[in-house]
Amino acid sequence: MTDKEGFRARLLASVEAGLSVPEIRPLLVEQLERGVKREHLYQEILDTMVFLRAEGRDEDEDAVADVADMFSNWVLPRYRL
């Protein structure tokens, strides 16, 4: 399993477990600290949303979209990445 696949698997497991955005944030911080570029991490999240959409997993897609919001001004400043 590649790092990219490992991240996606961990993100999906977190979403499926019903973790909140603040609870998922450490996973993203970990990736950034490992040297993954912010833009690449954001793109992987968007790619995961596309994957979920193709699978018909609308609720999971919405949850991942909420995670993607951490890269925007849609969340409180303390949660932004």
PDB file of N, CA and C in Angstrom:
ATOM      1  N   MET A   1       0.853  -1.173   0.000  1.00  0.00           N
ATOM      2  CA  MET A   1       0.000   0.000   0.000  1.00  0.00           C
ATOM      3  C   MET A   1       0.900   1.237   0.000  1.00  0.00           C
ATOM      4  N   THR A   2       0.651   2.169  -0.911  1.00  0.00           N
ATOM      5  CA  THR A   2       1.438   3.394  -0.965  1.00  0.00           C
ATOM      6  C   THR A   2       0.997   4.345   0.134  1.00  0.00           C
ATOM      7  N   ASP A   3       1.805   5.377   0.362  1.00  0.00           N
ATOM      8  CA  ASP A   3       1.435   6.380   1.365  1.00  0.00           C
ATOM      9  C   ASP A   3       0.097   7.019   1.025  1.00  0.00           C
ATOM     10  N   LYS A   4      -0.105   7.277  -0.276  1.00  0.00           N
ATOM     11  CA  LYS A   4      -1.353   7.902  -0.724  1.00  0.00           C
ATOM     12  C   LYS A   4      -2.547   6.993  -0.425  1.00  0.00           C
ATOM     13  N   GLU A   5      -2.395   5.705  -0.734  1.00  0.00           N
ATOM     14  CA  GLU A   5      -3.468   4.742  -0.457  1.00  0.00           C
ATOM     15  C   GLU A   5      -3.685   4.594   1.040  1.00  0.00           C
ATOM     16  N   GLY A   6      -2.585   4.619   1.793  1.00  0.00           N
ATOM     17  CA  GLY A   6      -2.685   4.518   3.247  1.00  0.00           C
ATOM     18  C   GLY A   6      -3.428   5.695   3.844  1.00  0.00           C
ATOM     19  N   PHE A   7      -3.143   6.892   3.328  1.00  0.00           N
ATOM     20  CA  PHE A   7      -3.845   8.075   3.813  1.00  0.00           C
ATOM     21  C   PHE A   7      -5.333   7.970   3.500  1.00  0.00           C
ATOM     22  N   ARG A   8      -5.648   7.592   2.273  1.00  0.00           N
ATOM     23  CA  ARG A   8      -7.061   7.491   1.888  1.00  0.00           C
ATOM     24  C   ARG A   8      -7.778   6.464   2.759  1.00  0.00           C
ATOM     25  N   ALA A   9      -7.140   5.327   2.996  1.00  0.00           N
ATOM     26  CA  ALA A   9      -7.754   4.289   3.828  1.00  0.00           C
ATOM     27  C   ALA A   9      -8.000   4.808   5.244  1.00  0.00           C
ATOM     28  N   ARG A  10      -7.038   5.530   5.790  1.00  0.00           N
ATOM     29  CA  ARG A  10      -7.195   6.073   7.146  1.00  0.00           C
ATOM     30  C   ARG A  10      -8.270   7.157   7.181  1.00  0.00           C
ATOM     31  N   LEU A  11      -8.318   7.997   6.144  1.00  0.00           N
ATOM     32  CA  LEU A  11      -9.348   9.035   6.078  1.00  0.00           C
ATOM     33  C   LEU A  11     -10.730   8.393   5.999  1.00  0.00           C
ATOM     34  N   LEU A  12     -10.880   7.410   5.130  1.00  0.00           N
ATOM     35  CA  LEU A  12     -12.178   6.744   4.989  1.00  0.00           C
ATOM     36  C   LEU A  12     -12.577   6.016   6.268  1.00  0.00           C
ATOM     37  N   ALA A  13     -11.630   5.383   6.918  1.00  0.00           N
ATOM     38  CA  ALA A  13     -11.933   4.697   8.178  1.00  0.00           C
ATOM     39  C   ALA A  13     -12.399   5.697   9.230  1.00  0.00           C
ATOM     40  N   SER A  14     -11.784   6.865   9.257  1.00  0.00           N
ATOM     41  CA  SER A  14     -12.176   7.903  10.215  1.00  0.00           C
ATOM     42  C   SER A  14     -13.586   8.405   9.936  1.00  0.00           C
ATOM     43  N   VAL A  15     -13.877   8.617   8.659  1.00  0.00           N
ATOM     44  CA  VAL A  15     -15.207   9.092   8.264  1.00  0.00           C
ATOM     45  C   VAL A  15     -16.253   8.026   8.568  1.00  0.00           C
ATOM     46  N   GLU A  16     -15.961   6.783   8.215  1.00  0.00           N
ATOM     47  CA  GLU A  16     -16.908   5.691   8.451  1.00  0.00           C
ATOM     48  C   GLU A  16     -17.152   5.465   9.939  1.00  0.00           C
ATOM     49  N   ALA A  17     -16.158   5.787  10.758  1.00  0.00           N
ATOM     50  CA  ALA A  17     -16.304   5.641  12.212  1.00  0.00           C
ATOM     51  C   ALA A  17     -17.093   6.797  12.816  1.00  0.00           C
ATOM     52  N   GLY A  18     -17.424   7.780  11.987  1.00  0.00           N
ATOM     53  CA  GLY A  18     -18.219   8.901  12.466  1.00  0.00           C
ATOM     54  C   GLY A  18     -17.426   9.960  13.215  1.00  0.00           C
ATOM     55  N   LEU A  19     -16.101   9.985  13.008  1.00  0.00           N
ATOM     56  CA  LEU A  19     -15.294  10.998  13.683  1.00  0.00           C
ATOM     57  C   LEU A  19     -15.634  12.386  13.145  1.00  0.00           C
ATOM     58  N   SER A  20     -15.537  13.365  14.015  1.00  0.00           N
ATOM     59  CA  SER A  20     -15.818  14.745  13.625  1.00  0.00           C
ATOM     60  C   SER A  20     -14.605  15.347  12.920  1.00  0.00           C
ATOM     61  N   VAL A  21     -14.809  16.489  12.289  1.00  0.00           N
ATOM     62  CA  VAL A  21     -13.712  17.177  11.608  1.00  0.00           C
ATOM     63  C   VAL A  21     -12.551  17.451  12.568  1.00  0.00           C
ATOM     64  N   PRO A  22     -12.805  17.994  13.770  1.00  0.00           N
ATOM     65  CA  PRO A  22     -11.674  18.204  14.690  1.00  0.00           C
ATOM     66  C   PRO A  22     -10.956  16.908  15.070  1.00  0.00           C
ATOM     67  N   GLU A  23     -11.679  15.799  15.099  1.00  0.00           N
ATOM     68  CA  GLU A  23     -11.053  14.514  15.423  1.00  0.00           C
ATOM     69  C   GLU A  23     -10.219  13.969  14.258  1.00  0.00           C
ATOM     70  N   ILE A  24     -10.560  14.360  13.040  1.00  0.00           N
ATOM     71  CA  ILE A  24      -9.828  13.916  11.855  1.00  0.00           C
ATOM     72  C   ILE A  24      -8.631  14.821  11.574  1.00  0.00           C
ATOM     73  N   ARG A  25      -8.676  16.043  12.062  1.00  0.00           N
ATOM     74  CA  ARG A  25      -7.620  17.024  11.796  1.00  0.00           C
ATOM     75  C   ARG A  25      -6.212  16.493  12.082  1.00  0.00           C
ATOM     76  N   PRO A  26      -5.963  15.770  13.191  1.00  0.00           N
ATOM     77  CA  PRO A  26      -4.600  15.275  13.438  1.00  0.00           C
ATOM     78  C   PRO A  26      -4.048  14.390  12.312  1.00  0.00           C
ATOM     79  N   LEU A  27      -4.906  13.674  11.614  1.00  0.00           N
ATOM     80  CA  LEU A  27      -4.460  12.868  10.478  1.00  0.00           C
ATOM     81  C   LEU A  27      -3.860  13.766   9.400  1.00  0.00           C
ATOM     82  N   LEU A  28      -4.497  14.898   9.153  1.00  0.00           N
ATOM     83  CA  LEU A  28      -4.003  15.824   8.138  1.00  0.00           C
ATOM     84  C   LEU A  28      -2.728  16.512   8.603  1.00  0.00           C
ATOM     85  N   VAL A  29      -2.700  16.904   9.863  1.00  0.00           N
ATOM     86  CA  VAL A  29      -1.500  17.536  10.419  1.00  0.00           C
ATOM     87  C   VAL A  29      -0.315  16.578  10.305  1.00  0.00           C
ATOM     88  N   GLU A  30      -0.554  15.319  10.595  1.00  0.00           N
ATOM     89  CA  GLU A  30       0.501  14.299  10.489  1.00  0.00           C
ATOM     90  C   GLU A  30       1.069  14.245   9.077  1.00  0.00           C
ATOM     91  N   GLN A  31       0.194  14.281   8.088  1.00  0.00           N
ATOM     92  CA  GLN A  31       0.646  14.239   6.696  1.00  0.00           C
ATOM     93  C   GLN A  31       1.487  15.468   6.357  1.00  0.00           C
ATOM     94  N   LEU A  32       1.043  16.635   6.800  1.00  0.00           N
ATOM     95  CA  LEU A  32       1.795  17.863   6.542  1.00  0.00           C
ATOM     96  C   LEU A  32       3.158  17.815   7.224  1.00  0.00           C
ATOM     97  N   GLU A  33       3.195  17.303   8.433  1.00  0.00           N
ATOM     98  CA  GLU A  33       4.459  17.198   9.164  1.00  0.00           C
ATOM     99  C   GLU A  33       5.410  16.195   8.513  1.00  0.00           C
ATOM    100  N   ARG A  34       4.877  15.235   7.795  1.00  0.00           N
ATOM    101  CA  ARG A  34       5.698  14.248   7.080  1.00  0.00           C
ATOM    102  C   ARG A  34       6.249  14.819   5.779  1.00  0.00           C
ATOM    103  N   GLY A  35       5.835  16.034   5.441  1.00  0.00           N
ATOM    104  CA  GLY A  35       6.355  16.690   4.251  1.00  0.00           C
ATOM    105  C   GLY A  35       5.432  16.679   3.053  1.00  0.00           C
ATOM    106  N   VAL A  36       4.224  16.160   3.217  1.00  0.00           N
ATOM    107  CA  VAL A  36       3.258  16.196   2.117  1.00  0.00           C
ATOM    108  C   VAL A  36       2.862  17.652   1.904  1.00  0.00           C
ATOM    109  N   LYS A  37       2.947  18.096   0.668  1.00  0.00           N
ATOM    110  CA  LYS A  37       2.593  19.487   0.366  1.00  0.00           C
ATOM    111  C   LYS A  37       1.099  19.693   0.573  1.00  0.00           C
ATOM    112  N   ARG A  38       0.791  20.868   1.073  1.00  0.00           N
ATOM    113  CA  ARG A  38      -0.601  21.232   1.356  1.00  0.00           C
ATOM    114  C   ARG A  38      -1.493  21.003   0.128  1.00  0.00           C
ATOM    115  N   GLU A  39      -1.000  21.436  -1.041  1.00  0.00           N
ATOM    116  CA  GLU A  39      -1.774  21.315  -2.282  1.00  0.00           C
ATOM    117  C   GLU A  39      -2.027  19.849  -2.636  1.00  0.00           C
ATOM    118  N   HIS A  40      -1.021  19.008  -2.410  1.00  0.00           N
ATOM    119  CA  HIS A  40      -1.180  17.580  -2.721  1.00  0.00           C
ATOM    120  C   HIS A  40      -2.159  16.910  -1.762  1.00  0.00           C
ATOM    121  N   LEU A  41      -2.098  17.306  -0.513  1.00  0.00           N
ATOM    122  CA  LEU A  41      -3.019  16.745   0.474  1.00  0.00           C
ATOM    123  C   LEU A  41      -4.452  17.148   0.144  1.00  0.00           C
ATOM    124  N   TYR A  42      -4.641  18.413  -0.190  1.00  0.00           N
ATOM    125  CA  TYR A  42      -5.973  18.896  -0.565  1.00  0.00           C
ATOM    126  C   TYR A  42      -6.482  18.139  -1.796  1.00  0.00           C
ATOM    127  N   GLN A  43      -5.603  17.943  -2.787  1.00  0.00           N
ATOM    128  CA  GLN A  43      -6.010  17.226  -3.996  1.00  0.00           C
ATOM    129  C   GLN A  43      -6.398  15.791  -3.677  1.00  0.00           C
ATOM    130  N   GLU A  44      -5.680  15.144  -2.776  1.00  0.00           N
ATOM    131  CA  GLU A  44      -6.024  13.767  -2.393  1.00  0.00           C
ATOM    132  C   GLU A  44      -7.406  13.726  -1.739  1.00  0.00           C
ATOM    133  N   ILE A  45      -7.716  14.732  -0.947  1.00  0.00           N
ATOM    134  CA  ILE A  45      -9.045  14.798  -0.325  1.00  0.00           C
ATOM    135  C   ILE A  45     -10.111  14.963  -1.405  1.00  0.00           C
ATOM    136  N   LEU A  46      -9.848  15.841  -2.379  1.00  0.00           N
ATOM    137  CA  LEU A  46     -10.804  16.016  -3.482  1.00  0.00           C
ATOM    138  C   LEU A  46     -10.947  14.729  -4.291  1.00  0.00           C
ATOM    139  N   ASP A  47      -9.834  14.042  -4.540  1.00  0.00           N
ATOM    140  CA  ASP A  47      -9.888  12.763  -5.266  1.00  0.00           C
ATOM    141  C   ASP A  47     -10.703  11.725  -4.490  1.00  0.00           C
ATOM    142  N   THR A  48     -10.592  11.756  -3.182  1.00  0.00           N
ATOM    143  CA  THR A  48     -11.371  10.843  -2.343  1.00  0.00           C
ATOM    144  C   THR A  48     -12.857  11.152  -2.466  1.00  0.00           C
ATOM    145  N   MET A  49     -13.196  12.435  -2.548  1.00  0.00           N
ATOM    146  CA  MET A  49     -14.598  12.816  -2.735  1.00  0.00           C
ATOM    147  C   MET A  49     -15.128  12.281  -4.064  1.00  0.00           C
ATOM    148  N   VAL A  50     -14.333  12.389  -5.118  1.00  0.00           N
ATOM    149  CA  VAL A  50     -14.738  11.880  -6.435  1.00  0.00           C
ATOM    150  C   VAL A  50     -14.933  10.362  -6.374  1.00  0.00           C
ATOM    151  N   PHE A  51     -14.017   9.676  -5.706  1.00  0.00           N
ATOM    152  CA  PHE A  51     -14.131   8.225  -5.526  1.00  0.00           C
ATOM    153  C   PHE A  51     -15.447   7.877  -4.826  1.00  0.00           C
ATOM    154  N   LEU A  52     -15.742   8.589  -3.748  1.00  0.00           N
ATOM    155  CA  LEU A  52     -16.966   8.314  -2.987  1.00  0.00           C
ATOM    156  C   LEU A  52     -18.213   8.616  -3.814  1.00  0.00           C
ATOM    157  N   ARG A  53     -18.164   9.672  -4.602  1.00  0.00           N
ATOM    158  CA  ARG A  53     -19.298  10.021  -5.462  1.00  0.00           C
ATOM    159  C   ARG A  53     -19.549   8.899  -6.464  1.00  0.00           C
ATOM    160  N   ALA A  54     -18.483   8.370  -7.055  1.00  0.00           N
ATOM    161  CA  ALA A  54     -18.613   7.274  -8.027  1.00  0.00           C
ATOM    162  C   ALA A  54     -19.177   6.016  -7.374  1.00  0.00           C
ATOM    163  N   GLU A  55     -18.903   5.839  -6.093  1.00  0.00           N
ATOM    164  CA  GLU A  55     -19.403   4.686  -5.341  1.00  0.00           C
ATOM    165  C   GLU A  55     -20.830   4.909  -4.830  1.00  0.00           C
ATOM    166  N   GLY A  56     -21.365   6.116  -5.018  1.00  0.00           N
ATOM    167  CA  GLY A  56     -22.707   6.427  -4.528  1.00  0.00           C
ATOM    168  C   GLY A  56     -22.774   6.610  -3.020  1.00  0.00           C
ATOM    169  N   ARG A  57     -21.671   6.972  -2.427  1.00  0.00           N
ATOM    170  CA  ARG A  57     -21.591   7.128  -0.964  1.00  0.00           C
ATOM    171  C   ARG A  57     -21.704   8.610  -0.601  1.00  0.00           C
ATOM    172  N   ASP A  58     -22.901   9.148  -0.792  1.00  0.00           N
ATOM    173  CA  ASP A  58     -23.129  10.582  -0.626  1.00  0.00           C
ATOM    174  C   ASP A  58     -22.817  11.093   0.774  1.00  0.00           C
ATOM    175  N   GLU A  59     -23.223  10.366   1.791  1.00  0.00           N
ATOM    176  CA  GLU A  59     -22.979  10.828   3.163  1.00  0.00           C
ATOM    177  C   GLU A  59     -21.491  10.873   3.472  1.00  0.00           C
ATOM    178  N   ASP A  60     -20.762   9.865   3.037  1.00  0.00           N
ATOM    179  CA  ASP A  60     -19.314   9.864   3.252  1.00  0.00           C
ATOM    180  C   ASP A  60     -18.656  10.980   2.447  1.00  0.00           C
ATOM    181  N   GLU A  61     -19.143  11.210   1.235  1.00  0.00           N
ATOM    182  CA  GLU A  61     -18.608  12.299   0.415  1.00  0.00           C
ATOM    183  C   GLU A  61     -18.805  13.635   1.126  1.00  0.00           C
ATOM    184  N   ASP A  62     -19.981  13.847   1.693  1.00  0.00           N
ATOM    185  CA  ASP A  62     -20.248  15.088   2.428  1.00  0.00           C
ATOM    186  C   ASP A  62     -19.311  15.237   3.622  1.00  0.00           C
ATOM    187  N   ALA A  63     -19.050  14.140   4.309  1.00  0.00           N
ATOM    188  CA  ALA A  63     -18.151  14.188   5.467  1.00  0.00           C
ATOM    189  C   ALA A  63     -16.732  14.543   5.032  1.00  0.00           C
ATOM    190  N   VAL A  64     -16.283  13.988   3.909  1.00  0.00           N
ATOM    191  CA  VAL A  64     -14.945  14.307   3.409  1.00  0.00           C
ATOM    192  C   VAL A  64     -14.906  15.757   2.918  1.00  0.00           C
ATOM    193  N   ALA A  65     -16.002  16.244   2.358  1.00  0.00           N
ATOM    194  CA  ALA A  65     -16.063  17.658   1.961  1.00  0.00           C
ATOM    195  C   ALA A  65     -15.894  18.555   3.182  1.00  0.00           C
ATOM    196  N   ASP A  66     -16.464  18.155   4.302  1.00  0.00           N
ATOM    197  CA  ASP A  66     -16.278  18.923   5.540  1.00  0.00           C
ATOM    198  C   ASP A  66     -14.809  18.934   5.952  1.00  0.00           C
ATOM    199  N   VAL A  67     -14.113  17.833   5.745  1.00  0.00           N
ATOM    200  CA  VAL A  67     -12.676  17.766   6.037  1.00  0.00           C
ATOM    201  C   VAL A  67     -11.924  18.716   5.102  1.00  0.00           C
ATOM    202  N   ALA A  68     -12.299  18.732   3.829  1.00  0.00           N
ATOM    203  CA  ALA A  68     -11.645  19.620   2.858  1.00  0.00           C
ATOM    204  C   ALA A  68     -11.805  21.082   3.257  1.00  0.00           C
ATOM    205  N   ASP A  69     -12.890  21.397   3.931  1.00  0.00           N
ATOM    206  CA  ASP A  69     -13.123  22.781   4.356  1.00  0.00           C
ATOM    207  C   ASP A  69     -12.044  23.297   5.302  1.00  0.00           C
ATOM    208  N   MET A  70     -11.270  22.407   5.908  1.00  0.00           N
ATOM    209  CA  MET A  70     -10.198  22.860   6.795  1.00  0.00           C
ATOM    210  C   MET A  70      -9.124  23.628   6.032  1.00  0.00           C
ATOM    211  N   PHE A  71      -9.132  23.515   4.722  1.00  0.00           N
ATOM    212  CA  PHE A  71      -8.174  24.247   3.897  1.00  0.00           C
ATOM    213  C   PHE A  71      -8.756  25.583   3.433  1.00  0.00           C
ATOM    214  N   SER A  72      -9.917  25.942   3.928  1.00  0.00           N
ATOM    215  CA  SER A  72     -10.598  27.162   3.490  1.00  0.00           C
ATOM    216  C   SER A  72     -10.978  28.021   4.688  1.00  0.00           C
ATOM    217  N   ASN A  73     -11.725  29.053   4.406  1.00  0.00           N
ATOM    218  CA  ASN A  73     -12.220  29.931   5.465  1.00  0.00           C
ATOM    219  C   ASN A  73     -13.585  29.492   5.983  1.00  0.00           C
ATOM    220  N   TRP A  74     -14.008  28.289   5.631  1.00  0.00           N
ATOM    221  CA  TRP A  74     -15.319  27.793   6.040  1.00  0.00           C
ATOM    222  C   TRP A  74     -15.327  27.215   7.446  1.00  0.00           C
ATOM    223  N   VAL A  75     -14.168  27.102   8.060  1.00  0.00           N
ATOM    224  CA  VAL A  75     -14.088  26.569   9.420  1.00  0.00           C
ATOM    225  C   VAL A  75     -13.501  27.627  10.340  1.00  0.00           C
ATOM    226  N   LEU A  76     -13.665  27.408  11.621  1.00  0.00           N
ATOM    227  CA  LEU A  76     -13.072  28.320  12.594  1.00  0.00           C
ATOM    228  C   LEU A  76     -11.557  28.359  12.402  1.00  0.00           C
ATOM    229  N   PRO A  77     -10.952  29.515  12.631  1.00  0.00           N
ATOM    230  CA  PRO A  77      -9.498  29.640  12.414  1.00  0.00           C
ATOM    231  C   PRO A  77      -8.670  28.572  13.121  1.00  0.00           C
ATOM    232  N   ARG A  78      -9.091  28.134  14.296  1.00  0.00           N
ATOM    233  CA  ARG A  78      -8.278  27.148  15.023  1.00  0.00           C
ATOM    234  C   ARG A  78      -8.249  25.776  14.342  1.00  0.00           C
ATOM    235  N   TYR A  79      -9.162  25.534  13.411  1.00  0.00           N
ATOM    236  CA  TYR A  79      -9.195  24.251  12.705  1.00  0.00           C
ATOM    237  C   TYR A  79      -8.557  24.313  11.318  1.00  0.00           C
ATOM    238  N   ARG A  80      -8.252  25.511  10.833  1.00  0.00           N
ATOM    239  CA  ARG A  80      -7.695  25.650   9.481  1.00  0.00           C
ATOM    240  C   ARG A  80      -6.304  25.052   9.385  1.00  0.00           C
ATOM    241  N   LEU A  81      -6.014  24.588   8.194  1.00  0.00           N
ATOM    242  CA  LEU A  81      -4.674  24.048   7.905  1.00  0.00           C
ATOM    243  C   LEU A  81      -3.970  24.938   6.903  1.00  0.00           C
TER     244      LEU A  81
END
